[in-house]
C-alpha atoms as a PDB file:
ATOM      1  CA  MET A   1       0.000   0.000   0.000  1.00  0.00           C
ATOM      2  CA  ARG A   2       2.750   2.409   0.937  1.00  0.00           C
ATOM      3  CA  LYS A   3       4.591   1.559  -2.267  1.00  0.00           C
ATOM      4  CA  ALA A   4       1.478   2.224  -4.347  1.00  0.00           C
ATOM      5  CA  ARG A   5       1.021   5.560  -2.608  1.00  0.00           C
ATOM      6  CA  SER A   6       4.644   6.502  -3.313  1.00  0.00           C
ATOM      7  CA  SER A   7       4.169   5.534  -6.946  1.00  0.00           C
ATOM      8  CA  GLU A   8       1.085   7.733  -7.209  1.00  0.00           C
ATOM      9  CA  ILE A   9       2.901  10.643  -5.550  1.00  0.00           C
ATOM     10  CA  LEU A  10       5.902  10.115  -7.818  1.00  0.00           C
ATOM     11  CA  GLY A  11       3.653  10.100 -10.874  1.00  0.00           C
ATOM     12  CA  LEU A  12       1.978  13.322  -9.772  1.00  0.00           C
ATOM     13  CA  ALA A  13       5.334  14.904  -8.956  1.00  0.00           C
ATOM     14  CA  LYS A  14       6.675  13.868 -12.350  1.00  0.00           C
ATOM     15  CA  HIS A  15       3.650  15.400 -14.080  1.00  0.00           C
ATOM     16  CA  SER A  16       3.992  18.591 -12.015  1.00  0.00           C
ATOM     17  CA  GLY A  17       7.736  18.677 -12.679  1.00  0.00           C
ATOM     18  CA  HIS A  18       7.158  18.499 -16.418  1.00  0.00           C
ATOM     19  CA  THR A  19       4.701  21.389 -16.269  1.00  0.00           C
ATOM     20  CA  VAL A  20       7.007  23.415 -14.031  1.00  0.00           C
ATOM     21  CA  ASN A  21       9.941  22.696 -16.323  1.00  0.00           C
ATOM     22  CA  GLN A  22       7.966  23.852 -19.364  1.00  0.00           C
ATOM     23  CA  LEU A  23       6.886  27.015 -17.551  1.00  0.00           C
ATOM     24  CA  GLY A  24      10.430  27.618 -16.305  1.00  0.00           C
ATOM     25  CA  ASN A  25      11.850  27.133 -19.785  1.00  0.00           C
ATOM     26  CA  GLY A  26       9.323  29.602 -21.191  1.00  0.00           C
ATOM     27  CA  ALA A  27      10.203  32.179 -18.528  1.00  0.00           C
ATOM     28  CA  THR A  28      13.926  31.723 -19.174  1.00  0.00           C
ATOM     29  CA  ARG A  29      13.406  32.028 -22.919  1.00  0.00           C
ATOM     30  CA  ARG A  30      11.333  35.169 -22.456  1.00  0.00           C
ATOM     31  CA  LYS A  31      14.034  36.672 -20.281  1.00  0.00           C
END
């Protein structure tokens, strides 16, 4: 159960990271 929860959290974090990375890249490019 704990492993499944970690997997879910990791998946969410990965998704969030991708979005944050895209946003960060856009901000850096704009700068």
